[in-house]
Amino acid sequence: MMYRTHFALALGVALYFLPYIKEPFIFLPTVILSSFLPDIWIILTTINTPKQVKHATTLSRSGGIFKTYTMCIPITILLAAFYPILALPFFLGYSFNLVLEAFSTKGITPFWPFKRKLSGKIMPGGRIDHAMFYLFILFDIALLIKFFIQR
């Protein structure tokens, strides 16, 4: 999926849960930033990084260990132990990225190192991806309106 689709979904998830959160200024950015973390391997392999980092990030074609719940769950547990306020928004952002990627043709390997791959039929950058982006934007606008009306 395109980055903007991930952003629109993360914003929608954050806005949906925002009325129930005590610290919205921590929650909202954490959800959005963590929704991009599974794709950090792309950034690390394209910039000038040491060979060890490039090798570690290319454990498989679908993003290696970064695009798995094998990475998401332990980080969430660590955050819950040391920074509990970040655990829920991190998990929401990261896992919704994985769910969205599971519908793409690239797919994900949900539990690395197991080989089972989940993939769908949505082409990244295709018409359905664009339609999903605009649908998520409409959802975000509706949630923003609802949020400000309730205040």
N, C-alpha and C. Protein backbone atom coordinates (compact mmCIF):
# COMPACT_ATOMS: atom_id res chain seq x y z
N MET A 1 0.84 -1.18 0.00
CA MET A 1 0.00 0.00 0.00
C MET A 1 0.88 1.25 0.00
N MET A 2 0.29 2.33 -0.46
CA MET A 2 1.02 3.59 -0.49
C MET A 2 1.12 4.15 0.94
N TYR A 3 2.16 4.95 1.14
CA TYR A 3 2.36 5.53 2.47
C TYR A 3 1.19 6.40 2.88
N ARG A 4 0.61 7.11 1.92
CA ARG A 4 -0.50 7.99 2.27
C ARG A 4 -1.73 7.19 2.69
N THR A 5 -1.90 5.99 2.17
CA THR A 5 -3.00 5.14 2.61
C THR A 5 -2.77 4.70 4.05
N HIS A 6 -1.52 4.34 4.37
CA HIS A 6 -1.19 3.98 5.75
C HIS A 6 -1.43 5.16 6.69
N PHE A 7 -1.03 6.35 6.23
CA PHE A 7 -1.23 7.54 7.05
C PHE A 7 -2.72 7.80 7.29
N ALA A 8 -3.52 7.72 6.25
CA ALA A 8 -4.95 7.98 6.37
C ALA A 8 -5.62 6.98 7.31
N LEU A 9 -5.22 5.72 7.22
CA LEU A 9 -5.79 4.70 8.11
C LEU A 9 -5.33 4.94 9.55
N ALA A 10 -4.05 5.24 9.75
CA ALA A 10 -3.54 5.49 11.10
C ALA A 10 -4.23 6.69 11.73
N LEU A 11 -4.43 7.73 10.94
CA LEU A 11 -5.12 8.91 11.45
C LEU A 11 -6.56 8.56 11.84
N GLY A 12 -7.22 7.76 11.03
CA GLY A 12 -8.58 7.33 11.35
C GLY A 12 -8.65 6.50 12.62
N VAL A 13 -7.70 5.59 12.78
CA VAL A 13 -7.67 4.76 13.99
C VAL A 13 -7.43 5.64 15.22
N ALA A 14 -6.48 6.57 15.09
CA ALA A 14 -6.17 7.45 16.22
C ALA A 14 -7.37 8.34 16.56
N LEU A 15 -8.02 8.89 15.56
CA LEU A 15 -9.18 9.74 15.81
C LEU A 15 -10.35 8.95 16.39
N TYR A 16 -10.48 7.70 15.99
CA TYR A 16 -11.55 6.87 16.53
C TYR A 16 -11.38 6.65 18.04
N PHE A 17 -10.16 6.39 18.48
CA PHE A 17 -9.90 6.11 19.89
C PHE A 17 -9.66 7.37 20.72
N LEU A 18 -9.47 8.50 20.09
CA LEU A 18 -9.11 9.74 20.77
C LEU A 18 -10.06 10.15 21.91
N PRO A 19 -11.38 10.00 21.76
CA PRO A 19 -12.26 10.40 22.87
C PRO A 19 -12.06 9.59 24.15
N TYR A 20 -11.45 8.43 24.05
CA TYR A 20 -11.28 7.56 25.21
C TYR A 20 -9.89 7.68 25.84
N ILE A 21 -9.05 8.55 25.29
CA ILE A 21 -7.65 8.64 25.68
C ILE A 21 -7.42 9.86 26.57
N LYS A 22 -6.61 9.68 27.62
CA LYS A 22 -6.32 10.78 28.54
C LYS A 22 -5.23 11.72 28.00
N GLU A 23 -4.29 11.18 27.24
CA GLU A 23 -3.16 11.96 26.72
C GLU A 23 -3.19 11.98 25.19
N PRO A 24 -4.05 12.79 24.59
CA PRO A 24 -4.17 12.77 23.12
C PRO A 24 -2.93 13.28 22.40
N PHE A 25 -2.15 14.16 23.03
CA PHE A 25 -0.96 14.71 22.37
C PHE A 25 0.19 13.70 22.31
N ILE A 26 0.09 12.65 23.06
CA ILE A 26 1.05 11.55 22.97
C ILE A 26 0.48 10.45 22.08
N PHE A 27 -0.80 10.19 22.24
CA PHE A 27 -1.45 9.09 21.53
C PHE A 27 -1.44 9.28 20.01
N LEU A 28 -1.89 10.43 19.54
CA LEU A 28 -2.03 10.66 18.10
C LEU A 28 -0.71 10.53 17.34
N PRO A 29 0.37 11.23 17.74
CA PRO A 29 1.62 11.07 16.99
C PRO A 29 2.21 9.67 17.08
N THR A 30 2.01 9.00 18.22
CA THR A 30 2.56 7.66 18.38
C THR A 30 1.89 6.68 17.43
N VAL A 31 0.58 6.76 17.29
CA VAL A 31 -0.13 5.88 16.36
C VAL A 31 0.37 6.13 14.94
N ILE A 32 0.47 7.38 14.56
CA ILE A 32 0.87 7.70 13.18
C ILE A 32 2.31 7.28 12.91
N LEU A 33 3.23 7.61 13.82
CA LEU A 33 4.64 7.23 13.61
C LEU A 33 4.84 5.72 13.61
N SER A 34 4.16 5.03 14.51
CA SER A 34 4.33 3.58 14.56
C SER A 34 3.71 2.89 13.36
N SER A 35 2.79 3.55 12.68
CA SER A 35 2.21 2.93 11.47
C SER A 35 3.21 2.91 10.32
N PHE A 36 4.27 3.71 10.41
CA PHE A 36 5.30 3.70 9.38
C PHE A 36 6.49 2.80 9.74
N LEU A 37 6.58 2.36 10.99
CA LEU A 37 7.72 1.55 11.41
C LEU A 37 7.89 0.24 10.66
N PRO A 38 6.83 -0.48 10.31
CA PRO A 38 7.06 -1.72 9.56
C PRO A 38 7.75 -1.49 8.22
N ASP A 39 7.65 -0.28 7.69
CA ASP A 39 8.28 0.03 6.41
C ASP A 39 9.65 0.66 6.58
N ILE A 40 10.18 0.69 7.79
CA ILE A 40 11.47 1.32 8.04
C ILE A 40 12.59 0.60 7.28
N TRP A 41 12.40 -0.66 6.98
CA TRP A 41 13.43 -1.41 6.24
C TRP A 41 13.68 -0.81 4.87
N ILE A 42 12.64 -0.25 4.25
CA ILE A 42 12.82 0.39 2.94
C ILE A 42 13.73 1.60 3.09
N ILE A 43 13.51 2.39 4.12
CA ILE A 43 14.33 3.58 4.35
C ILE A 43 15.76 3.17 4.66
N LEU A 44 15.93 2.15 5.49
CA LEU A 44 17.28 1.73 5.87
C LEU A 44 18.07 1.15 4.71
N THR A 45 17.40 0.51 3.77
CA THR A 45 18.12 -0.09 2.66
C THR A 45 18.37 0.89 1.52
N THR A 46 17.68 2.03 1.52
CA THR A 46 17.89 2.99 0.44
C THR A 46 18.89 4.07 0.79
N ILE A 47 19.05 4.37 2.09
CA ILE A 47 20.04 5.38 2.46
C ILE A 47 21.40 4.73 2.63
N ASN A 48 22.41 5.53 2.79
CA ASN A 48 23.78 5.03 2.93
C ASN A 48 23.98 4.47 4.34
N THR A 49 23.74 3.17 4.48
CA THR A 49 23.87 2.53 5.78
C THR A 49 24.92 1.42 5.71
N PRO A 50 25.44 1.02 6.87
CA PRO A 50 26.41 -0.08 6.86
C PRO A 50 25.81 -1.37 6.31
N LYS A 51 26.67 -2.23 5.78
CA LYS A 51 26.20 -3.49 5.18
C LYS A 51 25.48 -4.37 6.19
N GLN A 52 25.87 -4.30 7.48
CA GLN A 52 25.21 -5.12 8.49
C GLN A 52 23.74 -4.74 8.62
N VAL A 53 23.44 -3.44 8.57
CA VAL A 53 22.05 -3.00 8.68
C VAL A 53 21.28 -3.43 7.44
N LYS A 54 21.87 -3.25 6.27
CA LYS A 54 21.20 -3.66 5.04
C LYS A 54 20.92 -5.16 5.04
N HIS A 55 21.89 -5.96 5.52
CA HIS A 55 21.69 -7.40 5.57
C HIS A 55 20.60 -7.76 6.57
N ALA A 56 20.59 -7.12 7.71
CA ALA A 56 19.59 -7.42 8.74
C ALA A 56 18.19 -7.04 8.29
N THR A 57 18.08 -6.02 7.47
CA THR A 57 16.75 -5.58 7.06
C THR A 57 16.22 -6.30 5.84
N THR A 58 17.05 -7.04 5.16
CA THR A 58 16.58 -7.76 3.98
C THR A 58 16.53 -9.26 4.25
N LEU A 59 16.00 -9.62 5.40
CA LEU A 59 15.88 -11.05 5.74
C LEU A 59 14.91 -11.77 4.83
N SER A 60 13.98 -11.05 4.28
CA SER A 60 13.09 -11.61 3.27
C SER A 60 12.60 -10.48 2.38
N ARG A 61 12.00 -10.82 1.26
CA ARG A 61 11.54 -9.80 0.33
C ARG A 61 10.41 -8.95 0.89
N SER A 62 9.62 -9.50 1.78
CA SER A 62 8.45 -8.77 2.27
C SER A 62 8.74 -7.91 3.48
N GLY A 63 9.99 -7.57 3.72
CA GLY A 63 10.31 -6.67 4.81
C GLY A 63 10.93 -7.37 5.99
N GLY A 64 11.20 -8.65 5.86
CA GLY A 64 11.88 -9.36 6.94
C GLY A 64 11.06 -9.37 8.21
N ILE A 65 11.76 -9.26 9.30
CA ILE A 65 11.13 -9.34 10.61
C ILE A 65 10.34 -8.09 10.94
N PHE A 66 10.59 -6.98 10.25
CA PHE A 66 9.90 -5.74 10.55
C PHE A 66 8.41 -5.81 10.23
N LYS A 67 8.03 -6.52 9.20
CA LYS A 67 6.61 -6.61 8.82
C LYS A 67 5.98 -7.88 9.38
N THR A 68 6.17 -8.09 10.67
CA THR A 68 5.61 -9.27 11.32
C THR A 68 5.11 -8.91 12.71
N TYR A 69 4.21 -9.73 13.18
CA TYR A 69 3.79 -9.58 14.58
C TYR A 69 4.88 -10.09 15.52
N THR A 70 5.85 -10.82 14.98
CA THR A 70 6.98 -11.26 15.77
C THR A 70 7.77 -10.07 16.28
N MET A 71 7.77 -8.97 15.55
CA MET A 71 8.42 -7.74 15.98
C MET A 71 7.46 -6.86 16.78
N CYS A 72 6.22 -6.79 16.35
CA CYS A 72 5.22 -5.92 16.97
C CYS A 72 4.93 -6.28 18.43
N ILE A 73 4.72 -7.53 18.69
CA ILE A 73 4.30 -7.95 20.03
C ILE A 73 5.40 -7.76 21.08
N PRO A 74 6.64 -8.18 20.84
CA PRO A 74 7.68 -7.93 21.86
C PRO A 74 7.94 -6.44 22.12
N ILE A 75 7.90 -5.63 21.09
CA ILE A 75 8.10 -4.18 21.30
C ILE A 75 6.95 -3.62 22.12
N THR A 76 5.74 -4.06 21.84
CA THR A 76 4.58 -3.61 22.62
C THR A 76 4.72 -4.03 24.08
N ILE A 77 5.18 -5.24 24.33
CA ILE A 77 5.36 -5.71 25.70
C ILE A 77 6.43 -4.88 26.41
N LEU A 78 7.53 -4.59 25.73
CA LEU A 78 8.58 -3.74 26.32
C LEU A 78 8.05 -2.34 26.62
N LEU A 79 7.30 -1.79 25.70
CA LEU A 79 6.71 -0.47 25.95
C LEU A 79 5.74 -0.51 27.13
N ALA A 80 4.95 -1.57 27.22
CA ALA A 80 4.01 -1.70 28.33
C ALA A 80 4.74 -1.78 29.67
N ALA A 81 5.92 -2.38 29.66
CA ALA A 81 6.69 -2.50 30.90
C ALA A 81 7.37 -1.19 31.29
N PHE A 82 7.90 -0.47 30.31
CA PHE A 82 8.71 0.71 30.62
C PHE A 82 8.01 2.05 30.34
N TYR A 83 7.18 2.11 29.30
CA TYR A 83 6.44 3.32 28.93
C TYR A 83 5.00 2.93 28.61
N PRO A 84 4.20 2.61 29.60
CA PRO A 84 2.86 2.08 29.34
C PRO A 84 1.98 3.00 28.50
N ILE A 85 2.21 4.29 28.58
CA ILE A 85 1.37 5.23 27.82
C ILE A 85 1.56 5.08 26.31
N LEU A 86 2.69 4.50 25.90
CA LEU A 86 2.98 4.34 24.47
C LEU A 86 2.58 2.97 23.92
N ALA A 87 2.27 2.02 24.79
CA ALA A 87 2.04 0.64 24.35
C ALA A 87 0.82 0.52 23.43
N LEU A 88 -0.33 1.03 23.85
CA LEU A 88 -1.54 0.91 23.02
C LEU A 88 -1.41 1.65 21.69
N PRO A 89 -0.99 2.92 21.69
CA PRO A 89 -0.88 3.58 20.38
C PRO A 89 0.15 2.94 19.46
N PHE A 90 1.25 2.44 20.03
CA PHE A 90 2.24 1.75 19.20
C PHE A 90 1.63 0.51 18.58
N PHE A 91 0.96 -0.30 19.39
CA PHE A 91 0.36 -1.53 18.88
C PHE A 91 -0.68 -1.24 17.81
N LEU A 92 -1.51 -0.24 18.03
CA LEU A 92 -2.55 0.09 17.05
C LEU A 92 -1.94 0.51 15.72
N GLY A 93 -0.99 1.43 15.76
CA GLY A 93 -0.38 1.89 14.52
C GLY A 93 0.35 0.80 13.77
N TYR A 94 1.18 0.05 14.50
CA TYR A 94 1.98 -1.00 13.88
C TYR A 94 1.09 -2.11 13.31
N SER A 95 0.12 -2.56 14.10
CA SER A 95 -0.69 -3.69 13.66
C SER A 95 -1.65 -3.32 12.54
N PHE A 96 -2.16 -2.08 12.52
CA PHE A 96 -3.02 -1.70 11.42
C PHE A 96 -2.23 -1.58 10.12
N ASN A 97 -0.96 -1.22 10.20
CA ASN A 97 -0.11 -1.24 9.01
C ASN A 97 0.00 -2.67 8.49
N LEU A 98 0.22 -3.61 9.39
CA LEU A 98 0.35 -5.02 8.99
C LEU A 98 -0.94 -5.55 8.39
N VAL A 99 -2.06 -5.19 8.99
CA VAL A 99 -3.36 -5.64 8.46
C VAL A 99 -3.57 -5.10 7.05
N LEU A 100 -3.26 -3.83 6.85
CA LEU A 100 -3.42 -3.22 5.53
C LEU A 100 -2.50 -3.88 4.51
N GLU A 101 -1.26 -4.15 4.90
CA GLU A 101 -0.30 -4.78 4.00
C GLU A 101 -0.70 -6.22 3.66
N ALA A 102 -1.41 -6.88 4.56
CA ALA A 102 -1.84 -8.26 4.30
C ALA A 102 -2.82 -8.33 3.14
N PHE A 103 -3.50 -7.22 2.83
CA PHE A 103 -4.42 -7.19 1.71
C PHE A 103 -3.74 -6.87 0.39
N SER A 104 -2.47 -6.46 0.44
CA SER A 104 -1.77 -6.10 -0.79
C SER A 104 -1.18 -7.36 -1.45
N THR A 105 -0.77 -7.21 -2.69
CA THR A 105 -0.19 -8.34 -3.41
C THR A 105 1.17 -8.72 -2.84
N LYS A 106 1.88 -7.75 -2.23
CA LYS A 106 3.17 -8.06 -1.60
C LYS A 106 2.97 -8.92 -0.36
N GLY A 107 1.95 -8.61 0.42
CA GLY A 107 1.61 -9.40 1.59
C GLY A 107 2.62 -9.28 2.72
N ILE A 108 2.38 -10.07 3.76
CA ILE A 108 3.27 -10.10 4.92
C ILE A 108 3.44 -11.55 5.36
N THR A 109 4.50 -11.78 6.11
CA THR A 109 4.69 -13.04 6.81
C THR A 109 4.37 -12.74 8.26
N PRO A 110 3.16 -13.08 8.75
CA PRO A 110 2.73 -12.58 10.05
C PRO A 110 3.60 -13.01 11.23
N PHE A 111 4.08 -14.23 11.20
CA PHE A 111 4.88 -14.71 12.32
C PHE A 111 6.19 -15.27 11.82
N TRP A 112 7.14 -14.38 11.66
CA TRP A 112 8.49 -14.75 11.23
C TRP A 112 9.10 -15.61 12.32
N PRO A 113 9.80 -16.67 12.08
CA PRO A 113 10.42 -17.14 10.86
C PRO A 113 9.57 -18.15 10.08
N PHE A 114 8.31 -18.33 10.46
CA PHE A 114 7.46 -19.23 9.70
C PHE A 114 7.26 -18.68 8.30
N LYS A 115 7.17 -19.54 7.34
CA LYS A 115 7.14 -19.15 5.94
C LYS A 115 5.74 -18.76 5.44
N ARG A 116 4.70 -19.09 6.19
CA ARG A 116 3.33 -18.81 5.74
C ARG A 116 3.16 -17.33 5.50
N LYS A 117 2.67 -16.99 4.32
CA LYS A 117 2.53 -15.61 3.92
C LYS A 117 1.06 -15.27 3.69
N LEU A 118 0.65 -14.11 4.15
CA LEU A 118 -0.70 -13.61 3.89
C LEU A 118 -0.61 -12.54 2.83
N SER A 119 -1.37 -12.69 1.78
CA SER A 119 -1.39 -11.66 0.74
C SER A 119 -2.77 -11.61 0.12
N GLY A 120 -3.08 -10.44 -0.39
CA GLY A 120 -4.38 -10.24 -1.01
C GLY A 120 -4.23 -9.90 -2.47
N LYS A 121 -5.20 -9.20 -3.00
CA LYS A 121 -5.21 -8.89 -4.42
C LYS A 121 -5.10 -7.40 -4.71
N ILE A 122 -4.87 -6.58 -3.70
CA ILE A 122 -4.80 -5.13 -3.90
C ILE A 122 -3.39 -4.75 -4.33
N MET A 123 -3.28 -4.14 -5.48
CA MET A 123 -2.00 -3.71 -6.04
C MET A 123 -1.60 -2.38 -5.40
N PRO A 124 -0.42 -2.30 -4.78
CA PRO A 124 0.01 -1.02 -4.22
C PRO A 124 0.09 0.06 -5.30
N GLY A 125 -0.58 1.18 -5.06
CA GLY A 125 -0.62 2.26 -6.04
C GLY A 125 -1.70 2.09 -7.09
N GLY A 126 -2.46 1.01 -7.01
CA GLY A 126 -3.51 0.75 -8.00
C GLY A 126 -4.80 1.50 -7.69
N ARG A 127 -5.82 1.20 -8.47
CA ARG A 127 -7.10 1.90 -8.31
C ARG A 127 -7.74 1.62 -6.96
N ILE A 128 -7.69 0.39 -6.52
CA ILE A 128 -8.31 0.05 -5.23
C ILE A 128 -7.56 0.73 -4.10
N ASP A 129 -6.24 0.79 -4.18
CA ASP A 129 -5.44 1.48 -3.18
C ASP A 129 -5.81 2.96 -3.11
N HIS A 130 -5.95 3.58 -4.28
CA HIS A 130 -6.36 4.99 -4.32
C HIS A 130 -7.76 5.16 -3.74
N ALA A 131 -8.67 4.26 -4.08
CA ALA A 131 -10.03 4.34 -3.56
C ALA A 131 -10.05 4.19 -2.04
N MET A 132 -9.23 3.26 -1.54
CA MET A 132 -9.15 3.08 -0.09
C MET A 132 -8.62 4.34 0.59
N PHE A 133 -7.64 4.99 -0.03
CA PHE A 133 -7.10 6.23 0.52
C PHE A 133 -8.20 7.28 0.66
N TYR A 134 -8.96 7.49 -0.40
CA TYR A 134 -10.02 8.50 -0.35
C TYR A 134 -11.13 8.11 0.62
N LEU A 135 -11.42 6.83 0.72
CA LEU A 135 -12.41 6.36 1.70
C LEU A 135 -11.92 6.62 3.12
N PHE A 136 -10.65 6.35 3.38
CA PHE A 136 -10.09 6.62 4.71
C PHE A 136 -10.08 8.12 5.02
N ILE A 137 -9.82 8.95 4.01
CA ILE A 137 -9.85 10.40 4.21
C ILE A 137 -11.26 10.86 4.58
N LEU A 138 -12.28 10.32 3.90
CA LEU A 138 -13.66 10.65 4.25
C LEU A 138 -13.99 10.20 5.67
N PHE A 139 -13.51 9.03 6.04
CA PHE A 139 -13.69 8.52 7.39
C PHE A 139 -13.01 9.45 8.40
N ASP A 140 -11.80 9.91 8.09
CA ASP A 140 -11.07 10.83 8.97
C ASP A 140 -11.83 12.14 9.15
N ILE A 141 -12.35 12.67 8.06
CA ILE A 141 -13.10 13.93 8.13
C ILE A 141 -14.35 13.75 8.98
N ALA A 142 -15.04 12.63 8.79
CA ALA A 142 -16.24 12.37 9.60
C ALA A 142 -15.88 12.26 11.08
N LEU A 143 -14.78 11.61 11.39
CA LEU A 143 -14.36 11.49 12.79
C LEU A 143 -13.95 12.83 13.37
N LEU A 144 -13.30 13.67 12.57
CA LEU A 144 -12.93 15.01 13.03
C LEU A 144 -14.17 15.84 13.33
N ILE A 145 -15.14 15.78 12.44
CA ILE A 145 -16.39 16.52 12.65
C ILE A 145 -17.08 16.02 13.91
N LYS A 146 -17.16 14.72 14.07
CA LYS A 146 -17.80 14.13 15.26
C LYS A 146 -17.04 14.55 16.52
N PHE A 147 -15.73 14.55 16.47
CA PHE A 147 -14.91 14.91 17.63
C PHE A 147 -15.16 16.36 18.05
N PHE A 148 -15.22 17.27 17.10
CA PHE A 148 -15.41 18.66 17.43
C PHE A 148 -16.85 19.00 17.79
N ILE A 149 -17.79 18.25 17.28
CA ILE A 149 -19.20 18.47 17.66
C ILE A 149 -19.42 18.04 19.11
N GLN A 150 -18.78 16.94 19.52
CA GLN A 150 -18.95 16.44 20.88
C GLN A 150 -18.30 17.35 21.92
N ARG A 151 -17.37 18.16 21.53
CA ARG A 151 -16.68 19.04 22.48
C ARG A 151 -17.54 20.18 22.73
